[in-house]
Amino acid sequence: MSGIGAFARARDGSLIGRSAAESEWIPIAREFLATVASRPYAVTTQRELAQHVLSRSGIEVNPSLNKWIGTFLTHLTQACVAEGEPPLGALVTADHGKVGPAFDEALASLELGAETPKDRERLAAELRLQCYRWADAPEPAGGWRLQSPAAGERSPRARAPRATAHRAPAPEPVAVYCPSCFVQLPATGVCDTCA
């Protein structure tokens, strides 16, 4: 693709900037991720999401995936929350099966901070549970549990929970976000915005 400084090329051949491209990608991504969320423990990769939005929109991107996906996931997360949806970007993993550093900016936009990679993955797992519940995914046997997708698992297939022998089901995770407005809950567990 030619064009100095151009972010992308639209279907009609015109050069467009990031915001114009994202305005077309976000609704496509939300629809795709809502389908992913409808299956228990399903995730998709950054590459799969990018291929889907690029092919559906007809937009060709100039920079490589790793140069734009983190910002796109942040804007997607903000759009989801603005529409009263959970942050569907949590369903998007890197090729190694974790959300990875590309999701840090999205967490910051939710006023969540991850001090370590383990914190980041735990927060993403909590957000994924919100996505599955919002999409009315069938509850797995034994109930919902926080878990990170295994490396190499792809969406939109569902991930089967691991079989456990003679173990009690894990306790329900403590809510960290308001189920109505998706704002982080204070220590009281009562949303300051909705209360």
N, C-alpha and C. Protein backbone atom coordinates (compact mmCIF):
# COMPACT_ATOMS: atom_id res chain seq x y z
N MET A 1 0.84 -1.16 0.00
CA MET A 1 0.00 0.00 0.00
C MET A 1 0.89 1.23 0.00
N SER A 2 0.64 2.15 -0.90
CA SER A 2 1.44 3.37 -0.94
C SER A 2 0.70 4.47 -0.19
N GLY A 3 1.40 5.53 0.05
CA GLY A 3 0.80 6.66 0.76
C GLY A 3 1.55 6.91 2.05
N ILE A 4 2.37 7.94 2.03
CA ILE A 4 3.17 8.25 3.20
C ILE A 4 2.26 8.68 4.34
N GLY A 5 2.41 8.04 5.48
CA GLY A 5 1.64 8.41 6.66
C GLY A 5 0.23 7.87 6.69
N ALA A 6 -0.21 7.22 5.64
CA ALA A 6 -1.58 6.69 5.63
C ALA A 6 -1.66 5.49 6.57
N PHE A 7 -2.76 5.40 7.29
CA PHE A 7 -2.96 4.26 8.18
C PHE A 7 -3.56 3.10 7.40
N ALA A 8 -4.52 3.39 6.52
CA ALA A 8 -5.22 2.32 5.82
C ALA A 8 -5.79 2.84 4.50
N ARG A 9 -6.25 1.88 3.71
CA ARG A 9 -6.91 2.20 2.44
C ARG A 9 -8.30 1.59 2.49
N ALA A 10 -9.31 2.42 2.22
CA ALA A 10 -10.70 1.98 2.21
C ALA A 10 -10.99 1.15 0.96
N ARG A 11 -12.13 0.52 0.97
CA ARG A 11 -12.55 -0.31 -0.16
C ARG A 11 -12.56 0.46 -1.47
N ASP A 12 -12.90 1.75 -1.41
CA ASP A 12 -12.95 2.58 -2.62
C ASP A 12 -11.58 3.08 -3.07
N GLY A 13 -10.52 2.70 -2.35
CA GLY A 13 -9.16 3.07 -2.71
C GLY A 13 -8.65 4.33 -2.03
N SER A 14 -9.51 5.04 -1.32
CA SER A 14 -9.07 6.27 -0.66
C SER A 14 -8.26 5.93 0.59
N LEU A 15 -7.32 6.81 0.92
CA LEU A 15 -6.52 6.66 2.12
C LEU A 15 -7.31 7.19 3.30
N ILE A 16 -7.30 6.44 4.40
CA ILE A 16 -8.05 6.86 5.58
C ILE A 16 -7.17 6.76 6.82
N GLY A 17 -7.56 7.47 7.85
CA GLY A 17 -6.84 7.45 9.11
C GLY A 17 -7.35 6.36 10.04
N ARG A 18 -6.70 6.27 11.18
CA ARG A 18 -7.04 5.25 12.17
C ARG A 18 -8.50 5.38 12.63
N SER A 19 -8.95 6.57 12.96
CA SER A 19 -10.29 6.71 13.52
C SER A 19 -11.36 6.31 12.50
N ALA A 20 -11.15 6.64 11.22
CA ALA A 20 -12.10 6.24 10.18
C ALA A 20 -12.13 4.72 10.04
N ALA A 21 -10.96 4.10 10.08
CA ALA A 21 -10.90 2.64 9.98
C ALA A 21 -11.59 2.00 11.18
N GLU A 22 -11.27 2.50 12.39
CA GLU A 22 -11.84 1.91 13.60
C GLU A 22 -13.35 2.11 13.67
N SER A 23 -13.86 3.20 13.13
CA SER A 23 -15.31 3.41 13.16
C SER A 23 -16.04 2.33 12.35
N GLU A 24 -15.37 1.77 11.35
CA GLU A 24 -15.95 0.66 10.60
C GLU A 24 -15.67 -0.68 11.28
N TRP A 25 -14.51 -0.82 11.90
CA TRP A 25 -14.13 -2.09 12.51
C TRP A 25 -14.89 -2.40 13.79
N ILE A 26 -15.14 -1.38 14.62
CA ILE A 26 -15.70 -1.64 15.96
C ILE A 26 -17.04 -2.36 15.90
N PRO A 27 -18.02 -1.95 15.08
CA PRO A 27 -19.28 -2.72 15.05
C PRO A 27 -19.09 -4.16 14.55
N ILE A 28 -18.17 -4.33 13.60
CA ILE A 28 -17.89 -5.67 13.09
C ILE A 28 -17.27 -6.53 14.20
N ALA A 29 -16.33 -5.95 14.93
CA ALA A 29 -15.66 -6.67 16.02
C ALA A 29 -16.64 -7.00 17.13
N ARG A 30 -17.53 -6.06 17.49
CA ARG A 30 -18.50 -6.31 18.56
C ARG A 30 -19.42 -7.47 18.19
N GLU A 31 -19.88 -7.50 16.96
CA GLU A 31 -20.75 -8.60 16.51
C GLU A 31 -20.00 -9.94 16.56
N PHE A 32 -18.78 -9.95 16.06
CA PHE A 32 -17.97 -11.16 16.05
C PHE A 32 -17.70 -11.65 17.47
N LEU A 33 -17.32 -10.73 18.36
CA LEU A 33 -16.98 -11.12 19.73
C LEU A 33 -18.22 -11.51 20.54
N ALA A 34 -19.37 -10.97 20.20
CA ALA A 34 -20.61 -11.41 20.86
C ALA A 34 -20.88 -12.88 20.53
N THR A 35 -20.55 -13.28 19.31
CA THR A 35 -20.70 -14.69 18.92
C THR A 35 -19.70 -15.56 19.69
N VAL A 36 -18.46 -15.08 19.80
CA VAL A 36 -17.45 -15.81 20.57
C VAL A 36 -17.92 -15.96 22.02
N ALA A 37 -18.44 -14.88 22.60
CA ALA A 37 -18.87 -14.89 24.01
C ALA A 37 -20.04 -15.82 24.26
N SER A 38 -20.76 -16.19 23.23
CA SER A 38 -21.93 -17.07 23.42
C SER A 38 -21.54 -18.52 23.67
N ARG A 39 -20.25 -18.83 23.61
CA ARG A 39 -19.77 -20.19 23.86
C ARG A 39 -18.87 -20.18 25.09
N PRO A 40 -19.13 -21.05 26.05
CA PRO A 40 -18.35 -21.05 27.30
C PRO A 40 -16.85 -21.18 27.03
N TYR A 41 -16.10 -20.30 27.65
CA TYR A 41 -14.63 -20.31 27.63
C TYR A 41 -14.03 -20.12 26.24
N ALA A 42 -14.82 -19.69 25.27
CA ALA A 42 -14.29 -19.45 23.92
C ALA A 42 -13.51 -18.13 23.91
N VAL A 43 -12.48 -18.09 23.11
CA VAL A 43 -11.68 -16.89 22.88
C VAL A 43 -11.33 -16.85 21.40
N THR A 44 -10.77 -15.74 20.98
CA THR A 44 -10.24 -15.61 19.63
C THR A 44 -8.87 -14.94 19.74
N THR A 45 -8.08 -15.05 18.72
CA THR A 45 -6.75 -14.43 18.77
C THR A 45 -6.80 -13.04 18.13
N GLN A 46 -5.80 -12.26 18.43
CA GLN A 46 -5.67 -10.93 17.82
C GLN A 46 -5.66 -11.07 16.30
N ARG A 47 -4.93 -12.04 15.81
CA ARG A 47 -4.81 -12.25 14.37
C ARG A 47 -6.17 -12.63 13.76
N GLU A 48 -6.92 -13.51 14.42
CA GLU A 48 -8.25 -13.90 13.90
C GLU A 48 -9.21 -12.72 13.89
N LEU A 49 -9.19 -11.92 14.96
CA LEU A 49 -10.06 -10.74 15.00
C LEU A 49 -9.67 -9.77 13.89
N ALA A 50 -8.38 -9.51 13.73
CA ALA A 50 -7.91 -8.58 12.70
C ALA A 50 -8.32 -9.07 11.31
N GLN A 51 -8.12 -10.36 11.03
CA GLN A 51 -8.49 -10.89 9.72
C GLN A 51 -9.99 -10.73 9.48
N HIS A 52 -10.79 -10.96 10.52
CA HIS A 52 -12.25 -10.85 10.37
C HIS A 52 -12.66 -9.40 10.06
N VAL A 53 -12.17 -8.44 10.86
CA VAL A 53 -12.60 -7.05 10.64
C VAL A 53 -12.05 -6.50 9.32
N LEU A 54 -10.84 -6.90 8.96
CA LEU A 54 -10.27 -6.42 7.70
C LEU A 54 -11.04 -6.99 6.50
N SER A 55 -11.34 -8.27 6.53
CA SER A 55 -12.05 -8.87 5.39
C SER A 55 -13.48 -8.36 5.30
N ARG A 56 -14.16 -8.21 6.43
CA ARG A 56 -15.55 -7.72 6.40
C ARG A 56 -15.64 -6.25 6.00
N SER A 57 -14.65 -5.45 6.41
CA SER A 57 -14.70 -4.01 6.11
C SER A 57 -14.10 -3.68 4.75
N GLY A 58 -13.24 -4.55 4.24
CA GLY A 58 -12.56 -4.27 2.98
C GLY A 58 -11.44 -3.25 3.12
N ILE A 59 -11.02 -3.00 4.33
CA ILE A 59 -9.96 -2.02 4.58
C ILE A 59 -8.62 -2.74 4.62
N GLU A 60 -7.64 -2.17 3.94
CA GLU A 60 -6.27 -2.68 3.97
C GLU A 60 -5.48 -1.79 4.92
N VAL A 61 -4.71 -2.42 5.82
CA VAL A 61 -3.97 -1.66 6.82
C VAL A 61 -2.51 -1.58 6.44
N ASN A 62 -1.95 -0.38 6.64
CA ASN A 62 -0.55 -0.15 6.35
C ASN A 62 0.37 -0.73 7.44
N PRO A 63 0.18 -0.34 8.73
CA PRO A 63 1.11 -0.85 9.75
C PRO A 63 0.83 -2.32 10.09
N SER A 64 1.84 -2.97 10.66
CA SER A 64 1.68 -4.36 11.06
C SER A 64 0.73 -4.46 12.25
N LEU A 65 0.20 -5.65 12.46
CA LEU A 65 -0.79 -5.91 13.50
C LEU A 65 -0.34 -5.42 14.87
N ASN A 66 0.88 -5.73 15.26
CA ASN A 66 1.32 -5.37 16.61
C ASN A 66 1.45 -3.87 16.81
N LYS A 67 1.39 -3.08 15.74
CA LYS A 67 1.47 -1.63 15.87
C LYS A 67 0.10 -0.98 16.07
N TRP A 68 -1.01 -1.71 15.80
CA TRP A 68 -2.32 -1.08 15.94
C TRP A 68 -3.30 -1.86 16.81
N ILE A 69 -3.06 -3.12 17.09
CA ILE A 69 -4.07 -3.93 17.78
C ILE A 69 -4.32 -3.47 19.22
N GLY A 70 -3.30 -3.07 19.94
CA GLY A 70 -3.50 -2.63 21.33
C GLY A 70 -4.40 -1.42 21.42
N THR A 71 -4.17 -0.43 20.57
CA THR A 71 -5.01 0.77 20.56
C THR A 71 -6.42 0.42 20.11
N PHE A 72 -6.53 -0.46 19.12
CA PHE A 72 -7.87 -0.88 18.68
C PHE A 72 -8.62 -1.59 19.80
N LEU A 73 -7.96 -2.48 20.53
CA LEU A 73 -8.63 -3.17 21.64
C LEU A 73 -9.09 -2.17 22.71
N THR A 74 -8.32 -1.12 22.93
CA THR A 74 -8.73 -0.09 23.88
C THR A 74 -9.98 0.63 23.40
N HIS A 75 -9.98 1.05 22.15
CA HIS A 75 -11.14 1.76 21.60
C HIS A 75 -12.36 0.83 21.53
N LEU A 76 -12.14 -0.43 21.22
CA LEU A 76 -13.23 -1.41 21.21
C LEU A 76 -13.80 -1.57 22.62
N THR A 77 -12.94 -1.68 23.62
CA THR A 77 -13.37 -1.82 25.01
C THR A 77 -14.20 -0.60 25.42
N GLN A 78 -13.73 0.58 25.09
CA GLN A 78 -14.46 1.81 25.43
C GLN A 78 -15.82 1.84 24.75
N ALA A 79 -15.88 1.42 23.48
CA ALA A 79 -17.15 1.41 22.75
C ALA A 79 -18.13 0.41 23.37
N CYS A 80 -17.63 -0.75 23.75
CA CYS A 80 -18.50 -1.76 24.38
C CYS A 80 -19.10 -1.22 25.67
N VAL A 81 -18.26 -0.66 26.53
CA VAL A 81 -18.73 -0.15 27.82
C VAL A 81 -19.72 1.00 27.60
N ALA A 82 -19.45 1.86 26.61
CA ALA A 82 -20.36 2.97 26.31
C ALA A 82 -21.74 2.47 25.87
N GLU A 83 -21.78 1.29 25.26
CA GLU A 83 -23.04 0.70 24.82
C GLU A 83 -23.68 -0.20 25.87
N GLY A 84 -23.10 -0.24 27.07
CA GLY A 84 -23.66 -1.06 28.14
C GLY A 84 -23.29 -2.53 28.03
N GLU A 85 -22.27 -2.82 27.26
CA GLU A 85 -21.80 -4.20 27.09
C GLU A 85 -20.55 -4.39 27.93
N PRO A 86 -20.23 -5.63 28.26
CA PRO A 86 -18.96 -5.88 28.94
C PRO A 86 -17.81 -5.65 27.97
N PRO A 87 -16.60 -5.51 28.46
CA PRO A 87 -15.44 -5.27 27.59
C PRO A 87 -15.08 -6.53 26.79
N LEU A 88 -15.67 -6.65 25.62
CA LEU A 88 -15.50 -7.85 24.78
C LEU A 88 -14.06 -8.06 24.33
N GLY A 89 -13.24 -7.02 24.38
CA GLY A 89 -11.84 -7.17 24.01
C GLY A 89 -11.09 -8.17 24.89
N ALA A 90 -11.63 -8.48 26.06
CA ALA A 90 -10.99 -9.47 26.94
C ALA A 90 -11.01 -10.86 26.33
N LEU A 91 -11.84 -11.07 25.32
CA LEU A 91 -11.93 -12.37 24.65
C LEU A 91 -10.83 -12.54 23.59
N VAL A 92 -10.03 -11.51 23.40
CA VAL A 92 -9.02 -11.52 22.34
C VAL A 92 -7.65 -11.78 22.95
N THR A 93 -7.03 -12.88 22.55
CA THR A 93 -5.73 -13.26 23.10
C THR A 93 -4.64 -13.12 22.03
N ALA A 94 -3.42 -13.06 22.50
CA ALA A 94 -2.27 -13.13 21.59
C ALA A 94 -2.12 -14.58 21.16
N ASP A 95 -1.20 -14.86 20.28
CA ASP A 95 -1.02 -16.22 19.78
C ASP A 95 -0.64 -17.22 20.87
N HIS A 96 -0.09 -16.75 21.99
CA HIS A 96 0.32 -17.65 23.06
C HIS A 96 -0.81 -17.95 24.04
N GLY A 97 -2.03 -17.47 23.78
CA GLY A 97 -3.19 -17.81 24.59
C GLY A 97 -3.48 -16.87 25.73
N LYS A 98 -2.74 -15.79 25.87
CA LYS A 98 -2.98 -14.81 26.92
C LYS A 98 -3.26 -13.46 26.26
N VAL A 99 -3.92 -12.56 26.99
CA VAL A 99 -4.21 -11.26 26.39
C VAL A 99 -2.93 -10.49 26.14
N GLY A 100 -1.95 -10.64 26.99
CA GLY A 100 -0.65 -10.02 26.78
C GLY A 100 -0.67 -8.51 26.94
N PRO A 101 0.49 -7.89 26.72
CA PRO A 101 0.64 -6.45 26.92
C PRO A 101 -0.28 -5.59 26.06
N ALA A 102 -0.75 -6.11 24.94
CA ALA A 102 -1.66 -5.33 24.09
C ALA A 102 -2.94 -4.95 24.82
N PHE A 103 -3.27 -5.67 25.89
CA PHE A 103 -4.52 -5.41 26.63
C PHE A 103 -4.31 -4.43 27.78
N ASP A 104 -3.07 -4.04 28.06
CA ASP A 104 -2.80 -3.13 29.18
C ASP A 104 -3.53 -1.80 29.05
N GLU A 105 -3.50 -1.21 27.86
CA GLU A 105 -4.15 0.09 27.65
C GLU A 105 -5.67 -0.04 27.82
N ALA A 106 -6.24 -1.16 27.39
CA ALA A 106 -7.68 -1.38 27.57
C ALA A 106 -8.02 -1.46 29.05
N LEU A 107 -7.19 -2.16 29.83
CA LEU A 107 -7.42 -2.24 31.27
C LEU A 107 -7.33 -0.85 31.90
N ALA A 108 -6.36 -0.06 31.47
CA ALA A 108 -6.20 1.30 32.01
C ALA A 108 -7.43 2.14 31.69
N SER A 109 -8.03 1.94 30.51
CA SER A 109 -9.22 2.70 30.15
C SER A 109 -10.41 2.33 31.03
N LEU A 110 -10.36 1.16 31.65
CA LEU A 110 -11.39 0.72 32.59
C LEU A 110 -11.04 1.10 34.02
N GLU A 111 -9.94 1.84 34.15
CA GLU A 111 -9.40 2.24 35.45
C GLU A 111 -8.97 1.03 36.27
N LEU A 112 -8.44 0.05 35.57
CA LEU A 112 -7.88 -1.14 36.20
C LEU A 112 -6.39 -1.17 35.89
N GLY A 113 -5.61 -1.48 36.86
CA GLY A 113 -4.19 -1.56 36.62
C GLY A 113 -3.68 -2.95 36.96
N ALA A 114 -2.83 -3.46 36.12
CA ALA A 114 -2.22 -4.75 36.36
C ALA A 114 -0.75 -4.52 36.66
N GLU A 115 -0.35 -4.84 37.87
CA GLU A 115 1.04 -4.64 38.25
C GLU A 115 1.96 -5.70 37.66
N THR A 116 1.41 -6.89 37.44
CA THR A 116 2.21 -7.98 36.89
C THR A 116 1.46 -8.63 35.73
N PRO A 117 2.16 -9.37 34.89
CA PRO A 117 1.45 -10.11 33.84
C PRO A 117 0.38 -11.05 34.40
N LYS A 118 0.64 -11.63 35.56
CA LYS A 118 -0.34 -12.52 36.18
C LYS A 118 -1.60 -11.75 36.56
N ASP A 119 -1.44 -10.53 37.09
CA ASP A 119 -2.59 -9.68 37.41
C ASP A 119 -3.40 -9.38 36.15
N ARG A 120 -2.69 -9.06 35.05
CA ARG A 120 -3.36 -8.74 33.79
C ARG A 120 -4.22 -9.91 33.33
N GLU A 121 -3.66 -11.11 33.38
CA GLU A 121 -4.40 -12.29 32.92
C GLU A 121 -5.58 -12.62 33.84
N ARG A 122 -5.41 -12.39 35.15
CA ARG A 122 -6.51 -12.62 36.09
C ARG A 122 -7.66 -11.65 35.82
N LEU A 123 -7.32 -10.37 35.61
CA LEU A 123 -8.35 -9.38 35.30
C LEU A 123 -9.05 -9.72 33.99
N ALA A 124 -8.30 -10.13 32.99
CA ALA A 124 -8.91 -10.51 31.71
C ALA A 124 -9.84 -11.70 31.89
N ALA A 125 -9.45 -12.67 32.72
CA ALA A 125 -10.31 -13.84 32.98
C ALA A 125 -11.61 -13.40 33.65
N GLU A 126 -11.53 -12.46 34.59
CA GLU A 126 -12.74 -11.95 35.25
C GLU A 126 -13.64 -11.24 34.24
N LEU A 127 -13.05 -10.47 33.35
CA LEU A 127 -13.82 -9.76 32.33
C LEU A 127 -14.46 -10.74 31.35
N ARG A 128 -13.74 -11.82 31.02
CA ARG A 128 -14.31 -12.84 30.11
C ARG A 128 -15.55 -13.47 30.72
N LEU A 129 -15.53 -13.72 32.03
CA LEU A 129 -16.73 -14.28 32.67
C LEU A 129 -17.92 -13.34 32.50
N GLN A 130 -17.69 -12.05 32.62
CA GLN A 130 -18.76 -11.08 32.39
C GLN A 130 -19.29 -11.20 30.96
N CYS A 131 -18.38 -11.36 30.02
CA CYS A 131 -18.77 -11.48 28.61
C CYS A 131 -19.62 -12.72 28.38
N TYR A 132 -19.22 -13.86 28.93
CA TYR A 132 -19.98 -15.10 28.74
C TYR A 132 -21.37 -15.00 29.35
N ARG A 133 -21.45 -14.43 30.53
CA ARG A 133 -22.75 -14.27 31.20
C ARG A 133 -23.64 -13.30 30.41
N TRP A 134 -23.06 -12.19 29.95
CA TRP A 134 -23.81 -11.21 29.18
C TRP A 134 -24.38 -11.84 27.90
N ALA A 135 -23.60 -12.71 27.26
CA ALA A 135 -24.02 -13.34 26.01
C ALA A 135 -24.88 -14.58 26.25
N ASP A 136 -25.20 -14.86 27.50
CA ASP A 136 -26.00 -16.05 27.86
C ASP A 136 -25.37 -17.35 27.37
N ALA A 137 -24.06 -17.44 27.48
CA ALA A 137 -23.38 -18.69 27.14
C ALA A 137 -23.86 -19.77 28.11
N PRO A 138 -24.04 -20.99 27.65
CA PRO A 138 -24.47 -22.05 28.56
C PRO A 138 -23.46 -22.24 29.69
N GLU A 139 -23.95 -22.28 30.91
CA GLU A 139 -23.05 -22.44 32.04
C GLU A 139 -22.45 -23.84 32.03
N PRO A 140 -21.12 -23.93 32.15
CA PRO A 140 -20.47 -25.24 32.15
C PRO A 140 -20.85 -26.05 33.38
N ALA A 141 -20.74 -27.35 33.27
CA ALA A 141 -20.97 -28.22 34.43
C ALA A 141 -20.00 -27.80 35.53
N GLY A 142 -20.49 -27.64 36.73
CA GLY A 142 -19.65 -27.21 37.83
C GLY A 142 -19.59 -25.70 37.98
N GLY A 143 -20.26 -24.98 37.09
CA GLY A 143 -20.31 -23.52 37.19
C GLY A 143 -19.14 -22.83 36.52
N TRP A 144 -19.21 -21.52 36.49
CA TRP A 144 -18.17 -20.71 35.88
C TRP A 144 -16.96 -20.64 36.79
N ARG A 145 -15.79 -20.70 36.20
CA ARG A 145 -14.53 -20.55 36.94
C ARG A 145 -13.62 -19.63 36.16
N LEU A 146 -12.79 -18.92 36.90
CA LEU A 146 -11.77 -18.11 36.24
C LEU A 146 -10.73 -19.04 35.64
N GLN A 147 -10.43 -18.83 34.40
CA GLN A 147 -9.36 -19.62 33.78
C GLN A 147 -8.85 -18.88 32.57
N SER A 148 -7.58 -19.07 32.33
CA SER A 148 -6.97 -18.50 31.13
C SER A 148 -7.00 -19.54 30.04
N PRO A 149 -7.20 -19.10 28.81
CA PRO A 149 -7.17 -20.07 27.71
C PRO A 149 -5.78 -20.66 27.57
N ALA A 150 -5.72 -21.92 27.20
CA ALA A 150 -4.43 -22.57 27.01
C ALA A 150 -3.81 -22.09 25.70
N ALA A 151 -2.52 -22.05 25.67
CA ALA A 151 -1.82 -21.64 24.45
C ALA A 151 -2.24 -22.55 23.30
N GLY A 152 -2.48 -21.95 22.17
CA GLY A 152 -2.83 -22.72 20.99
C GLY A 152 -4.32 -22.93 20.81
N GLU A 153 -5.14 -22.64 21.83
CA GLU A 153 -6.58 -22.80 21.65
C GLU A 153 -7.10 -21.65 20.82
N ARG A 154 -8.00 -21.94 19.96
CA ARG A 154 -8.53 -20.93 19.06
C ARG A 154 -10.02 -20.81 19.24
N SER A 155 -10.55 -19.68 18.88
CA SER A 155 -11.98 -19.53 18.81
C SER A 155 -12.37 -19.81 17.38
N PRO A 156 -13.61 -19.88 17.09
CA PRO A 156 -14.69 -19.69 18.03
C PRO A 156 -15.12 -20.96 18.72
N ARG A 157 -14.27 -21.94 18.80
CA ARG A 157 -14.63 -23.17 19.49
C ARG A 157 -14.71 -22.93 20.98
N ALA A 158 -15.58 -23.67 21.60
CA ALA A 158 -15.70 -23.58 23.05
C ALA A 158 -14.59 -24.39 23.69
N ARG A 159 -14.17 -23.96 24.83
CA ARG A 159 -13.15 -24.68 25.58
C ARG A 159 -13.84 -25.46 26.68
N ALA A 160 -13.61 -26.74 26.70
CA ALA A 160 -14.23 -27.58 27.72
C ALA A 160 -13.48 -27.41 29.03
N PRO A 161 -14.21 -27.31 30.15
CA PRO A 161 -13.52 -27.21 31.43
C PRO A 161 -12.79 -28.51 31.74
N ARG A 162 -11.70 -28.38 32.47
CA ARG A 162 -10.94 -29.57 32.86
C ARG A 162 -11.74 -30.41 33.84
N ALA A 163 -11.62 -31.70 33.69
CA ALA A 163 -12.29 -32.60 34.62
C ALA A 163 -11.54 -32.58 35.95
N THR A 164 -12.28 -32.53 37.01
CA THR A 164 -11.66 -32.56 38.33
C THR A 164 -12.23 -33.74 39.10
N ALA A 165 -11.37 -34.47 39.73
CA ALA A 165 -11.80 -35.64 40.48
C ALA A 165 -11.97 -35.27 41.95
N HIS A 166 -13.17 -35.45 42.45
CA HIS A 166 -13.47 -35.29 43.87
C HIS A 166 -13.09 -33.92 44.42
N ARG A 167 -13.28 -32.89 43.62
CA ARG A 167 -13.02 -31.54 44.10
C ARG A 167 -14.34 -30.78 44.14
N ALA A 168 -14.48 -30.00 45.18
CA ALA A 168 -15.67 -29.16 45.27
C ALA A 168 -15.56 -28.05 44.22
N PRO A 169 -16.69 -27.60 43.70
CA PRO A 169 -16.63 -26.51 42.73
C PRO A 169 -15.99 -25.27 43.35
N ALA A 170 -15.30 -24.52 42.51
CA ALA A 170 -14.66 -23.29 42.98
C ALA A 170 -15.73 -22.30 43.40
N PRO A 171 -15.44 -21.50 44.42
CA PRO A 171 -16.43 -20.51 44.82
C PRO A 171 -16.62 -19.48 43.72
N GLU A 172 -17.81 -18.88 43.69
CA GLU A 172 -18.12 -17.86 42.70
C GLU A 172 -17.15 -16.69 42.91
N PRO A 173 -16.54 -16.16 41.85
CA PRO A 173 -15.61 -15.06 42.02
C PRO A 173 -16.33 -13.81 42.54
N VAL A 174 -15.61 -13.03 43.30
CA VAL A 174 -16.16 -11.80 43.83
C VAL A 174 -16.26 -10.79 42.69
N ALA A 175 -17.39 -10.12 42.59
CA ALA A 175 -17.59 -9.15 41.52
C ALA A 175 -16.64 -7.97 41.71
N VAL A 176 -15.95 -7.58 40.65
CA VAL A 176 -15.08 -6.42 40.70
C VAL A 176 -15.62 -5.29 39.85
N TYR A 177 -16.68 -5.57 39.07
CA TYR A 177 -17.31 -4.56 38.23
C TYR A 177 -18.80 -4.57 38.48
N CYS A 178 -19.40 -3.42 38.37
CA CYS A 178 -20.85 -3.30 38.48
C CYS A 178 -21.47 -4.01 37.28
N PRO A 179 -22.44 -4.91 37.50
CA PRO A 179 -23.05 -5.62 36.38
C PRO A 179 -23.91 -4.71 35.50
N SER A 180 -24.25 -3.51 35.98
CA SER A 180 -25.06 -2.59 35.19
C SER A 180 -24.23 -1.64 34.35
N CYS A 181 -23.22 -1.01 34.97
CA CYS A 181 -22.47 0.02 34.24
C CYS A 181 -21.01 -0.34 34.02
N PHE A 182 -20.56 -1.48 34.52
CA PHE A 182 -19.21 -2.02 34.31
C PHE A 182 -18.11 -1.12 34.85
N VAL A 183 -18.43 -0.34 35.87
CA VAL A 183 -17.43 0.46 36.57
C VAL A 183 -16.87 -0.40 37.69
N GLN A 184 -15.59 -0.24 37.99
CA GLN A 184 -14.97 -1.03 39.05
C GLN A 184 -15.66 -0.71 40.37
N LEU A 185 -16.02 -1.76 41.12
CA LEU A 185 -16.71 -1.61 42.39
C LEU A 185 -15.73 -1.22 43.49
N PRO A 186 -16.17 -0.37 44.43
CA PRO A 186 -15.32 -0.08 45.59
C PRO A 186 -15.31 -1.29 46.52
N ALA A 187 -14.53 -1.20 47.58
CA ALA A 187 -14.40 -2.33 48.52
C ALA A 187 -15.73 -2.74 49.13
N THR A 188 -16.69 -1.83 49.18
CA THR A 188 -18.00 -2.15 49.77
C THR A 188 -18.78 -3.13 48.91
N GLY A 189 -18.43 -3.20 47.62
CA GLY A 189 -19.15 -4.07 46.69
C GLY A 189 -20.42 -3.43 46.15
N VAL A 190 -20.70 -2.18 46.50
CA VAL A 190 -21.88 -1.45 46.05
C VAL A 190 -21.41 -0.35 45.10
N CYS A 191 -21.98 -0.32 43.92
CA CYS A 191 -21.59 0.64 42.90
C CYS A 191 -21.98 2.05 43.33
N ASP A 192 -21.00 2.96 43.33
CA ASP A 192 -21.26 4.35 43.68
C ASP A 192 -22.12 5.04 42.62
N THR A 193 -22.00 4.61 41.36
CA THR A 193 -22.73 5.23 40.29
C THR A 193 -24.20 4.80 40.27
N CYS A 194 -24.46 3.51 40.48
CA CYS A 194 -25.81 2.97 40.37
C CYS A 194 -26.59 2.96 41.68
N ALA A 195 -25.88 3.07 42.82
CA ALA A 195 -26.55 2.93 44.11
C ALA A 195 -27.50 4.03 44.42
